[in-house]
Structure formats: C-alpha cells, structure tokens
Amino acid sequence: MKKDLPKYCINLKNFRKELGLSQKQMADIMETSVSNIKTVENDVAKPSYKFLKRFSESFPDASIDKIFFK
C-alpha cells in the first residue's frame, strides 16, 4: 500500500513543475544531486538544513515556510 506523501513533498514537486524544471535541472540550479531532490520529493528523507539553505539561495522569491512548513 502506498503511503500518502507529506505536504512538503507535494509542494516541492509542484513548485519544480510550475517552473518547468526537471529534477536534474533543479539539482543543477541548487548545486546538489538529482538523488537529493528525489529523496526529498519522495519522502525518503526530510530536507536537511543544507538543502533548505541551498533552496532559499537558489530560489530567493520562493517561500520556504509555504513550501516546507505549512
């Protein structure tokens, strides 16, 4: 049985898709690995402080609170 993904996983994926980015493109922008993007989007691991910092630096107009904490 497939588990429901936490809201931040869905929000991150939707954010990426709204920008028309693949996981590879997002990883390149954030200077991280594709597996790191997949890991967070699929709830294999929660986003680390480093991930959140890179996200906010790479997408300064995005709301970290809205995507990851609401």
Protein backbone atom coordinates (compact mmCIF):
# COMPACT_ATOMS: atom_id res chain seq x y z
CA MET A 1 0.00 0.00 0.00
CA LYS A 2 1.38 3.39 -0.99
CA LYS A 3 1.70 5.92 1.81
CA ASP A 4 0.46 9.48 1.47
CA LEU A 5 3.30 11.91 0.94
CA PRO A 6 3.75 14.79 3.37
CA LYS A 7 2.62 18.15 2.10
CA TYR A 8 6.19 19.46 1.69
CA CYS A 9 6.96 16.66 -0.80
CA ILE A 10 3.95 17.57 -2.92
CA ASN A 11 4.66 21.30 -2.60
CA LEU A 12 8.29 20.91 -3.67
CA LYS A 13 7.34 18.80 -6.70
CA ASN A 14 4.59 21.24 -7.68
CA PHE A 15 6.98 24.19 -7.28
CA ARG A 16 9.52 22.50 -9.54
CA LYS A 17 6.91 21.61 -12.16
CA GLU A 18 5.42 25.13 -12.12
CA LEU A 19 8.86 26.41 -13.09
CA GLY A 20 9.04 23.80 -15.83
CA LEU A 21 12.13 22.20 -14.30
CA SER A 22 13.17 18.57 -14.33
CA GLN A 23 14.71 17.10 -11.21
CA LYS A 24 18.10 17.31 -12.95
CA GLN A 25 17.62 20.99 -13.79
CA MET A 26 16.57 21.79 -10.22
CA ALA A 27 19.56 19.85 -8.87
CA ASP A 28 21.89 21.79 -11.18
CA ILE A 29 20.45 25.13 -10.06
CA MET A 30 20.77 24.14 -6.39
CA GLU A 31 24.21 22.59 -6.93
CA THR A 32 23.08 19.30 -5.44
CA SER A 33 22.46 15.80 -6.76
CA VAL A 34 19.36 14.52 -8.53
CA SER A 35 19.13 11.82 -5.88
CA ASN A 36 18.92 14.53 -3.21
CA ILE A 37 15.92 16.11 -5.00
CA LYS A 38 14.28 12.68 -5.44
CA THR A 39 14.92 11.77 -1.81
CA VAL A 40 13.08 14.85 -0.54
CA GLU A 41 10.26 14.71 -3.12
CA ASN A 42 9.60 11.04 -2.31
CA ASP A 43 9.86 11.37 1.50
CA VAL A 44 12.84 9.04 1.75
CA ALA A 45 14.43 11.72 3.94
CA LYS A 46 13.36 15.08 5.26
CA PRO A 47 15.09 18.14 3.79
CA SER A 48 18.29 18.96 5.65
CA TYR A 49 19.32 22.42 6.76
CA LYS A 50 21.84 22.43 3.87
CA PHE A 51 19.07 21.52 1.40
CA LEU A 52 16.80 24.30 2.70
CA LYS A 53 19.65 26.81 2.61
CA ARG A 54 20.54 25.92 -0.98
CA PHE A 55 16.87 26.04 -1.95
CA SER A 56 16.42 29.52 -0.48
CA GLU A 57 19.61 30.79 -2.12
CA SER A 58 18.67 29.28 -5.49
CA PHE A 59 15.04 30.42 -5.40
CA PRO A 60 15.03 33.62 -3.30
CA ASP A 61 11.47 34.55 -4.28
CA ALA A 62 10.06 31.21 -3.08
CA SER A 63 8.58 30.93 0.39
CA ILE A 64 10.38 28.27 2.41
CA ASP A 65 7.61 28.43 5.00
CA LYS A 66 4.86 27.91 2.45
CA ILE A 67 6.60 25.02 0.68
CA PHE A 68 8.14 23.13 3.58
CA PHE A 69 6.35 24.12 6.79
CA LYS A 70 2.67 24.79 6.06
